[in-house]
PDB file of all heavy atoms in Angstrom:
ATOM      1  N   GLU A   1      29.026   7.887 130.423  1.00  0.00           N
ATOM      2  CA  GLU A   1      30.032   6.908 130.006  1.00  0.00           C
ATOM      3  C   GLU A   1      31.383   7.570 129.770  1.00  0.00           C
ATOM      4  O   GLU A   1      32.131   7.189 128.886  1.00  0.00           O
ATOM      5  CB  GLU A   1      29.570   6.148 128.763  1.00  0.00           C
ATOM      6  CG  GLU A   1      28.417   5.215 129.040  1.00  0.00           C
ATOM      7  CD  GLU A   1      28.337   4.066 128.048  1.00  0.00           C
ATOM      8  OE1 GLU A   1      29.042   4.110 127.031  1.00  0.00           O
ATOM      9  OE2 GLU A   1      27.576   3.119 128.300  1.00  0.00           O
ATOM     10  N   SER A   2      31.710   8.540 130.599  1.00  0.00           N
ATOM     11  CA  SER A   2      33.027   9.159 130.510  1.00  0.00           C
ATOM     12  C   SER A   2      34.112   8.121 130.733  1.00  0.00           C
ATOM     13  O   SER A   2      33.978   7.219 131.565  1.00  0.00           O
ATOM     14  CB  SER A   2      33.156  10.269 131.559  1.00  0.00           C
ATOM     15  OG  SER A   2      34.481  10.755 131.606  1.00  0.00           O
ATOM     16  N   LEU A   3      35.208   8.243 129.988  1.00  0.00           N
ATOM     17  CA  LEU A   3      36.315   7.302 130.102  1.00  0.00           C
ATOM     18  C   LEU A   3      37.530   7.918 130.785  1.00  0.00           C
ATOM     19  O   LEU A   3      38.630   7.376 130.738  1.00  0.00           O
ATOM     20  CB  LEU A   3      36.708   6.797 128.707  1.00  0.00           C
ATOM     21  CG  LEU A   3      35.575   6.144 127.910  1.00  0.00           C
ATOM     22  CD1 LEU A   3      36.073   5.704 126.536  1.00  0.00           C
ATOM     23  CD2 LEU A   3      34.966   4.974 128.658  1.00  0.00           C
ATOM     24  N   ASP A   4      37.328   9.057 131.449  1.00  0.00           N
ATOM     25  CA  ASP A   4      38.430   9.757 132.114  1.00  0.00           C
ATOM     26  C   ASP A   4      38.642   9.195 133.517  1.00  0.00           C
ATOM     27  O   ASP A   4      38.446   9.873 134.530  1.00  0.00           O
ATOM     28  CB  ASP A   4      38.150  11.255 132.181  1.00  0.00           C
ATOM     29  CG  ASP A   4      38.164  11.902 130.808  1.00  0.00           C
ATOM     30  OD1 ASP A   4      39.095  11.611 130.034  1.00  0.00           O
ATOM     31  OD2 ASP A   4      37.248  12.697 130.516  1.00  0.00           O
ATOM     32  N   PHE A   5      39.081   7.941 133.581  1.00  0.00           N
ATOM     33  CA  PHE A   5      39.223   7.255 134.860  1.00  0.00           C
ATOM     34  C   PHE A   5      40.574   7.531 135.515  1.00  0.00           C
ATOM     35  O   PHE A   5      41.592   7.717 134.833  1.00  0.00           O
ATOM     36  CB  PHE A   5      39.063   5.744 134.667  1.00  0.00           C
ATOM     37  CG  PHE A   5      37.650   5.339 134.369  1.00  0.00           C
ATOM     38  CD1 PHE A   5      37.224   5.181 133.062  1.00  0.00           C
ATOM     39  CD2 PHE A   5      36.739   5.139 135.390  1.00  0.00           C
ATOM     40  CE1 PHE A   5      35.922   4.826 132.778  1.00  0.00           C
ATOM     41  CE2 PHE A   5      35.429   4.784 135.115  1.00  0.00           C
ATOM     42  CZ  PHE A   5      35.023   4.628 133.811  1.00  0.00           C
ATOM     43  N   LEU A   6      40.564   7.524 136.843  1.00  0.00           N
ATOM     44  CA  LEU A   6      41.783   7.592 137.630  1.00  0.00           C
ATOM     45  C   LEU A   6      41.830   6.325 138.473  1.00  0.00           C
ATOM     46  O   LEU A   6      40.895   6.042 139.234  1.00  0.00           O
ATOM     47  CB  LEU A   6      41.786   8.833 138.523  1.00  0.00           C
ATOM     48  CG  LEU A   6      43.126   9.150 139.208  1.00  0.00           C
ATOM     49  CD1 LEU A   6      44.185   9.496 138.164  1.00  0.00           C
ATOM     50  CD2 LEU A   6      42.964  10.289 140.210  1.00  0.00           C
ATOM     51  N   SER A   7      42.901   5.553 138.330  1.00  0.00           N
ATOM     52  CA  SER A   7      42.961   4.223 138.925  1.00  0.00           C
ATOM     53  C   SER A   7      44.123   4.088 139.892  1.00  0.00           C
ATOM     54  O   SER A   7      45.214   4.625 139.664  1.00  0.00           O
ATOM     55  CB  SER A   7      43.106   3.156 137.828  1.00  0.00           C
ATOM     56  OG  SER A   7      42.077   3.275 136.862  1.00  0.00           O
ATOM     57  N   VAL A   8      43.879   3.337 140.965  1.00  0.00           N
ATOM     58  CA  VAL A   8      44.939   2.998 141.909  1.00  0.00           C
ATOM     59  C   VAL A   8      45.955   2.100 141.234  1.00  0.00           C
ATOM     60  O   VAL A   8      47.163   2.314 141.316  1.00  0.00           O
ATOM     61  CB  VAL A   8      44.353   2.293 143.150  1.00  0.00           C
ATOM     62  CG1 VAL A   8      45.459   1.780 144.054  1.00  0.00           C
ATOM     63  CG2 VAL A   8      43.428   3.231 143.921  1.00  0.00           C
ATOM     64  N   ASP A   9      45.489   1.064 140.533  1.00  0.00           N
ATOM     65  CA  ASP A   9      46.339   0.096 139.837  1.00  0.00           C
ATOM     66  C   ASP A   9      45.632  -0.287 138.543  1.00  0.00           C
ATOM     67  O   ASP A   9      44.806  -1.192 138.518  1.00  0.00           O
ATOM     68  CB  ASP A   9      46.586  -1.127 140.715  1.00  0.00           C
ATOM     69  CG  ASP A   9      47.476  -2.175 140.050  1.00  0.00           C
ATOM     70  OD1 ASP A   9      47.925  -1.936 138.907  1.00  0.00           O
ATOM     71  OD2 ASP A   9      47.708  -3.226 140.661  1.00  0.00           O
ATOM     72  N   ALA A  10      45.962   0.401 137.467  1.00  0.00           N
ATOM     73  CA  ALA A  10      45.268   0.207 136.192  1.00  0.00           C
ATOM     74  C   ALA A  10      45.521  -1.167 135.588  1.00  0.00           C
ATOM     75  O   ALA A  10      44.764  -1.600 134.722  1.00  0.00           O
ATOM     76  CB  ALA A  10      45.678   1.290 135.203  1.00  0.00           C
ATOM     77  N   SER A  11      46.565  -1.869 136.035  1.00  0.00           N
ATOM     78  CA  SER A  11      46.804  -3.213 135.521  1.00  0.00           C
ATOM     79  C   SER A  11      45.860  -4.225 136.150  1.00  0.00           C
ATOM     80  O   SER A  11      45.720  -5.340 135.662  1.00  0.00           O
ATOM     81  CB  SER A  11      48.259  -3.633 135.798  1.00  0.00           C
ATOM     82  OG  SER A  11      48.483  -3.780 137.190  1.00  0.00           O
ATOM     83  N   ASN A  12      45.184  -3.821 137.221  1.00  0.00           N
ATOM     84  CA  ASN A  12      44.288  -4.722 137.942  1.00  0.00           C
ATOM     85  C   ASN A  12      42.835  -4.305 137.801  1.00  0.00           C
ATOM     86  O   ASN A  12      41.955  -5.135 137.587  1.00  0.00           O
ATOM     87  CB  ASN A  12      44.677  -4.753 139.422  1.00  0.00           C
ATOM     88  CG  ASN A  12      43.888  -5.772 140.219  1.00  0.00           C
ATOM     89  OD1 ASN A  12      43.800  -6.928 139.827  1.00  0.00           O
ATOM     90  ND2 ASN A  12      43.309  -5.337 141.317  1.00  0.00           N
ATOM     91  N   GLN A  13      42.567  -3.019 137.917  1.00  0.00           N
ATOM     92  CA  GLN A  13      41.188  -2.528 137.831  1.00  0.00           C
ATOM     93  C   GLN A  13      41.183  -1.086 137.358  1.00  0.00           C
ATOM     94  O   GLN A  13      41.951  -0.253 137.848  1.00  0.00           O
ATOM     95  CB  GLN A  13      40.516  -2.603 139.206  1.00  0.00           C
ATOM     96  CG  GLN A  13      39.124  -2.004 139.242  1.00  0.00           C
ATOM     97  CD  GLN A  13      38.543  -2.028 140.638  1.00  0.00           C
ATOM     98  OE1 GLN A  13      38.349  -3.086 141.228  1.00  0.00           O
ATOM     99  NE2 GLN A  13      38.285  -0.856 141.195  1.00  0.00           N
ATOM    100  N   ILE A  14      40.314  -0.789 136.404  1.00  0.00           N
ATOM    101  CA  ILE A  14      40.162   0.571 135.907  1.00  0.00           C
ATOM    102  C   ILE A  14      39.082   1.279 136.721  1.00  0.00           C
ATOM    103  O   ILE A  14      37.974   0.782 136.852  1.00  0.00           O
ATOM    104  CB  ILE A  14      39.770   0.580 134.415  1.00  0.00           C
ATOM    105  CG1 ILE A  14      40.819  -0.149 133.571  1.00  0.00           C
ATOM    106  CG2 ILE A  14      39.601   2.009 133.920  1.00  0.00           C
ATOM    107  CD1 ILE A  14      42.195   0.445 133.630  1.00  0.00           C
ATOM    108  N   GLY A  15      39.394   2.465 137.213  1.00  0.00           N
ATOM    109  CA  GLY A  15      38.416   3.243 137.959  1.00  0.00           C
ATOM    110  C   GLY A  15      38.155   2.670 139.333  1.00  0.00           C
ATOM    111  O   GLY A  15      38.968   1.939 139.891  1.00  0.00           O
ATOM    112  N   PRO A  16      36.993   3.000 139.911  1.00  0.00           N
ATOM    113  CA  PRO A  16      35.806   3.590 139.300  1.00  0.00           C
ATOM    114  C   PRO A  16      35.753   5.121 139.284  1.00  0.00           C
ATOM    115  O   PRO A  16      34.798   5.702 138.784  1.00  0.00           O
ATOM    116  CB  PRO A  16      34.688   3.060 140.209  1.00  0.00           C
ATOM    117  CG  PRO A  16      35.336   2.991 141.553  1.00  0.00           C
ATOM    118  CD  PRO A  16      36.743   2.568 141.304  1.00  0.00           C
ATOM    119  N   ILE A  17      36.757   5.787 139.867  1.00  0.00           N
ATOM    120  CA  ILE A  17      36.708   7.246 139.932  1.00  0.00           C
ATOM    121  C   ILE A  17      36.844   7.846 138.539  1.00  0.00           C
ATOM    122  O   ILE A  17      37.737   7.485 137.764  1.00  0.00           O
ATOM    123  CB  ILE A  17      37.818   7.781 140.854  1.00  0.00           C
ATOM    124  CG1 ILE A  17      37.517   7.412 142.312  1.00  0.00           C
ATOM    125  CG2 ILE A  17      37.973   9.292 140.711  1.00  0.00           C
ATOM    126  CD1 ILE A  17      36.259   8.036 142.865  1.00  0.00           C
ATOM    127  N   VAL A  18      35.939   8.776 138.219  1.00  0.00           N
ATOM    128  CA  VAL A  18      35.960   9.495 136.949  1.00  0.00           C
ATOM    129  C   VAL A  18      36.309  10.954 137.224  1.00  0.00           C
ATOM    130  O   VAL A  18      35.755  11.568 138.136  1.00  0.00           O
ATOM    131  CB  VAL A  18      34.592   9.420 136.238  1.00  0.00           C
ATOM    132  CG1 VAL A  18      34.551  10.339 135.029  1.00  0.00           C
ATOM    133  CG2 VAL A  18      34.297   7.989 135.818  1.00  0.00           C
ATOM    134  N   LEU A  19      37.236  11.492 136.445  1.00  0.00           N
ATOM    135  CA  LEU A  19      37.576  12.907 136.531  1.00  0.00           C
ATOM    136  C   LEU A  19      36.799  13.672 135.467  1.00  0.00           C
ATOM    137  O   LEU A  19      36.546  13.159 134.376  1.00  0.00           O
ATOM    138  CB  LEU A  19      39.077  13.115 136.320  1.00  0.00           C
ATOM    139  CG  LEU A  19      40.021  12.408 137.299  1.00  0.00           C
ATOM    140  CD1 LEU A  19      41.464  12.722 136.945  1.00  0.00           C
ATOM    141  CD2 LEU A  19      39.711  12.806 138.739  1.00  0.00           C
ATOM    142  N   ARG A  20      36.426  14.892 135.788  1.00  0.00           N
ATOM    143  CA  ARG A  20      35.710  15.758 134.847  1.00  0.00           C
ATOM    144  C   ARG A  20      36.602  16.952 134.496  1.00  0.00           C
ATOM    145  O   ARG A  20      37.051  17.676 135.379  1.00  0.00           O
ATOM    146  CB  ARG A  20      34.402  16.240 135.463  1.00  0.00           C
ATOM    147  CG  ARG A  20      33.472  15.114 135.927  1.00  0.00           C
ATOM    148  CD  ARG A  20      32.880  14.344 134.760  1.00  0.00           C
ATOM    149  NE  ARG A  20      31.950  13.306 135.208  1.00  0.00           N
ATOM    150  CZ  ARG A  20      31.178  12.603 134.396  1.00  0.00           C
ATOM    151  NH1 ARG A  20      31.216  12.816 133.085  1.00  0.00           N
ATOM    152  NH2 ARG A  20      30.364  11.663 134.882  1.00  0.00           N
ATOM    153  N   PHE A  21      36.840  17.143 133.195  1.00  0.00           N
ATOM    154  CA  PHE A  21      37.696  18.221 132.717  1.00  0.00           C
ATOM    155  C   PHE A  21      36.836  19.316 132.082  1.00  0.00           C
ATOM    156  O   PHE A  21      36.068  19.053 131.156  1.00  0.00           O
ATOM    157  CB  PHE A  21      38.699  17.692 131.692  1.00  0.00           C
ATOM    158  CG  PHE A  21      39.719  16.755 132.275  1.00  0.00           C
ATOM    159  CD1 PHE A  21      39.458  15.392 132.371  1.00  0.00           C
ATOM    160  CD2 PHE A  21      40.931  17.242 132.742  1.00  0.00           C
ATOM    161  CE1 PHE A  21      40.396  14.519 132.910  1.00  0.00           C
ATOM    162  CE2 PHE A  21      41.877  16.369 133.290  1.00  0.00           C
ATOM    163  CZ  PHE A  21      41.606  15.020 133.382  1.00  0.00           C
ATOM    164  N   LYS A  22      36.976  20.541 132.575  1.00  0.00           N
ATOM    165  CA  LYS A  22      36.207  21.661 132.043  1.00  0.00           C
ATOM    166  C   LYS A  22      36.626  21.964 130.607  1.00  0.00           C
ATOM    167  O   LYS A  22      37.790  21.784 130.234  1.00  0.00           O
ATOM    168  CB  LYS A  22      36.423  22.900 132.907  1.00  0.00           C
ATOM    169  CG  LYS A  22      35.821  22.821 134.292  1.00  0.00           C
ATOM    170  CD  LYS A  22      35.972  24.151 135.011  1.00  0.00           C
ATOM    171  CE  LYS A  22      35.273  24.123 136.354  1.00  0.00           C
ATOM    172  NZ  LYS A  22      35.340  25.431 137.050  1.00  0.00           N
ATOM    173  N   PRO A  23      35.681  22.465 129.793  1.00  0.00           N
ATOM    174  CA  PRO A  23      36.029  22.805 128.403  1.00  0.00           C
ATOM    175  C   PRO A  23      37.151  23.837 128.312  1.00  0.00           C
ATOM    176  O   PRO A  23      37.942  23.814 127.371  1.00  0.00           O
ATOM    177  CB  PRO A  23      34.710  23.368 127.854  1.00  0.00           C
ATOM    178  CG  PRO A  23      33.651  22.720 128.688  1.00  0.00           C
ATOM    179  CD  PRO A  23      34.241  22.604 130.057  1.00  0.00           C
ATOM    180  N   GLY A  24      37.254  24.727 129.285  1.00  0.00           N
ATOM    181  CA  GLY A  24      38.291  25.756 129.259  1.00  0.00           C
ATOM    182  C   GLY A  24      39.628  25.298 129.799  1.00  0.00           C
ATOM    183  O   GLY A  24      40.564  26.099 129.892  1.00  0.00           O
ATOM    184  N   GLY A  25      39.751  24.046 130.155  1.00  0.00           N
ATOM    185  CA  GLY A  25      41.013  23.510 130.637  1.00  0.00           C
ATOM    186  C   GLY A  25      41.013  23.291 132.132  1.00  0.00           C
ATOM    187  O   GLY A  25      40.117  23.750 132.837  1.00  0.00           O
ATOM    188  N   PRO A  26      41.980  22.516 132.603  1.00  0.00           N
ATOM    189  CA  PRO A  26      43.063  21.918 131.817  1.00  0.00           C
ATOM    190  C   PRO A  26      42.579  20.762 130.947  1.00  0.00           C
ATOM    191  O   PRO A  26      41.575  20.135 131.259  1.00  0.00           O
ATOM    192  CB  PRO A  26      44.030  21.411 132.888  1.00  0.00           C
ATOM    193  CG  PRO A  26      43.142  21.087 134.054  1.00  0.00           C
ATOM    194  CD  PRO A  26      42.062  22.127 134.034  1.00  0.00           C
ATOM    195  N   SER A  27      43.308  20.497 129.860  1.00  0.00           N
ATOM    196  CA  SER A  27      42.974  19.356 129.010  1.00  0.00           C
ATOM    197  C   SER A  27      43.450  18.084 129.683  1.00  0.00           C
ATOM    198  O   SER A  27      44.286  18.109 130.589  1.00  0.00           O
ATOM    199  CB  SER A  27      43.620  19.517 127.636  1.00  0.00           C
ATOM    200  OG  SER A  27      45.027  19.636 127.761  1.00  0.00           O
ATOM    201  N   SER A  28      42.911  16.961 129.239  1.00  0.00           N
ATOM    202  CA  SER A  28      43.246  15.685 129.872  1.00  0.00           C
ATOM    203  C   SER A  28      44.678  15.271 129.520  1.00  0.00           C
ATOM    204  O   SER A  28      45.184  15.593 128.440  1.00  0.00           O
ATOM    205  CB  SER A  28      42.265  14.605 129.436  1.00  0.00           C
ATOM    206  OG  SER A  28      42.279  14.457 128.036  1.00  0.00           O
ATOM    207  N   PRO A  29      45.342  14.530 130.413  1.00  0.00           N
ATOM    208  CA  PRO A  29      46.710  14.071 130.135  1.00  0.00           C
ATOM    209  C   PRO A  29      46.721  12.871 129.200  1.00  0.00           C
ATOM    210  O   PRO A  29      45.664  12.329 128.837  1.00  0.00           O
ATOM    211  CB  PRO A  29      47.219  13.680 131.527  1.00  0.00           C
ATOM    212  CG  PRO A  29      45.990  13.259 132.264  1.00  0.00           C
ATOM    213  CD  PRO A  29      44.883  14.142 131.759  1.00  0.00           C
ATOM    214  N   ALA A  30      47.899  12.440 128.833  1.00  0.00           N
ATOM    215  CA  ALA A  30      48.034  11.250 127.981  1.00  0.00           C
ATOM    216  C   ALA A  30      47.649  10.014 128.781  1.00  0.00           C
ATOM    217  O   ALA A  30      47.987   9.893 129.961  1.00  0.00           O
ATOM    218  CB  ALA A  30      49.467  11.131 127.473  1.00  0.00           C
ATOM    219  N   PRO A  31      46.926   9.067 128.166  1.00  0.00           N
ATOM    220  CA  PRO A  31      46.593   7.828 128.856  1.00  0.00           C
ATOM    221  C   PRO A  31      47.857   7.123 129.362  1.00  0.00           C
ATOM    222  O   PRO A  31      48.865   7.082 128.668  1.00  0.00           O
ATOM    223  CB  PRO A  31      45.891   6.996 127.784  1.00  0.00           C
ATOM    224  CG  PRO A  31      45.340   8.008 126.840  1.00  0.00           C
ATOM    225  CD  PRO A  31      46.351   9.113 126.806  1.00  0.00           C
ATOM    226  N   GLY A  32      47.776   6.581 130.556  1.00  0.00           N
ATOM    227  CA  GLY A  32      48.918   5.924 131.159  1.00  0.00           C
ATOM    228  C   GLY A  32      49.765   6.834 132.018  1.00  0.00           C
ATOM    229  O   GLY A  32      50.704   6.365 132.684  1.00  0.00           O
ATOM    230  N   SER A  33      49.432   8.128 132.029  1.00  0.00           N
ATOM    231  CA  SER A  33      50.166   9.063 132.875  1.00  0.00           C
ATOM    232  C   SER A  33      49.798   8.855 134.332  1.00  0.00           C
ATOM    233  O   SER A  33      48.626   8.659 134.663  1.00  0.00           O
ATOM    234  CB  SER A  33      49.845  10.514 132.488  1.00  0.00           C
ATOM    235  OG  SER A  33      50.228  10.792 131.163  1.00  0.00           O
ATOM    236  N   ILE A  34      50.791   8.889 135.185  1.00  0.00           N
ATOM    237  CA  ILE A  34      50.531   8.930 136.624  1.00  0.00           C
ATOM    238  C   ILE A  34      50.449  10.401 137.002  1.00  0.00           C
ATOM    239  O   ILE A  34      51.399  11.165 136.774  1.00  0.00           O
ATOM    240  CB  ILE A  34      51.644   8.226 137.417  1.00  0.00           C
ATOM    241  CG1 ILE A  34      51.761   6.765 136.987  1.00  0.00           C
ATOM    242  CG2 ILE A  34      51.372   8.317 138.915  1.00  0.00           C
ATOM    243  CD1 ILE A  34      52.949   6.043 137.605  1.00  0.00           C
ATOM    244  N   ILE A  35      49.309  10.796 137.531  1.00  0.00           N
ATOM    245  CA  ILE A  35      49.100  12.214 137.794  1.00  0.00           C
ATOM    246  C   ILE A  35      48.762  12.447 139.260  1.00  0.00           C
ATOM    247  O   ILE A  35      48.277  11.567 139.961  1.00  0.00           O
ATOM    248  CB  ILE A  35      47.983  12.810 136.908  1.00  0.00           C
ATOM    249  CG1 ILE A  35      46.626  12.171 137.241  1.00  0.00           C
ATOM    250  CG2 ILE A  35      48.315  12.641 135.436  1.00  0.00           C
ATOM    251  CD1 ILE A  35      45.448  12.859 136.540  1.00  0.00           C
ATOM    252  N   ARG A  36      49.043  13.659 139.699  1.00  0.00           N
ATOM    253  CA  ARG A  36      48.595  14.137 141.000  1.00  0.00           C
ATOM    254  C   ARG A  36      47.647  15.307 140.701  1.00  0.00           C
ATOM    255  O   ARG A  36      48.079  16.357 140.250  1.00  0.00           O
ATOM    256  CB  ARG A  36      49.771  14.582 141.861  1.00  0.00           C
ATOM    257  CG  ARG A  36      49.384  15.016 143.277  1.00  0.00           C
ATOM    258  CD  ARG A  36      50.599  15.397 144.098  1.00  0.00           C
ATOM    259  NE  ARG A  36      51.456  14.238 144.334  1.00  0.00           N
ATOM    260  CZ  ARG A  36      52.753  14.185 144.047  1.00  0.00           C
ATOM    261  NH1 ARG A  36      53.338  15.237 143.473  1.00  0.00           N
ATOM    262  NH2 ARG A  36      53.457  13.103 144.301  1.00  0.00           N
TER     263      ARG A  36
END
């Protein structure tokens, strides 16, 4: 139930792609960030 979703259009649909962040980094970005 990870909530680290990456969305094409978060105003329409969240996910379904989930990103996995290693404990040693990098840490997750702020919610709402557009990332590459």
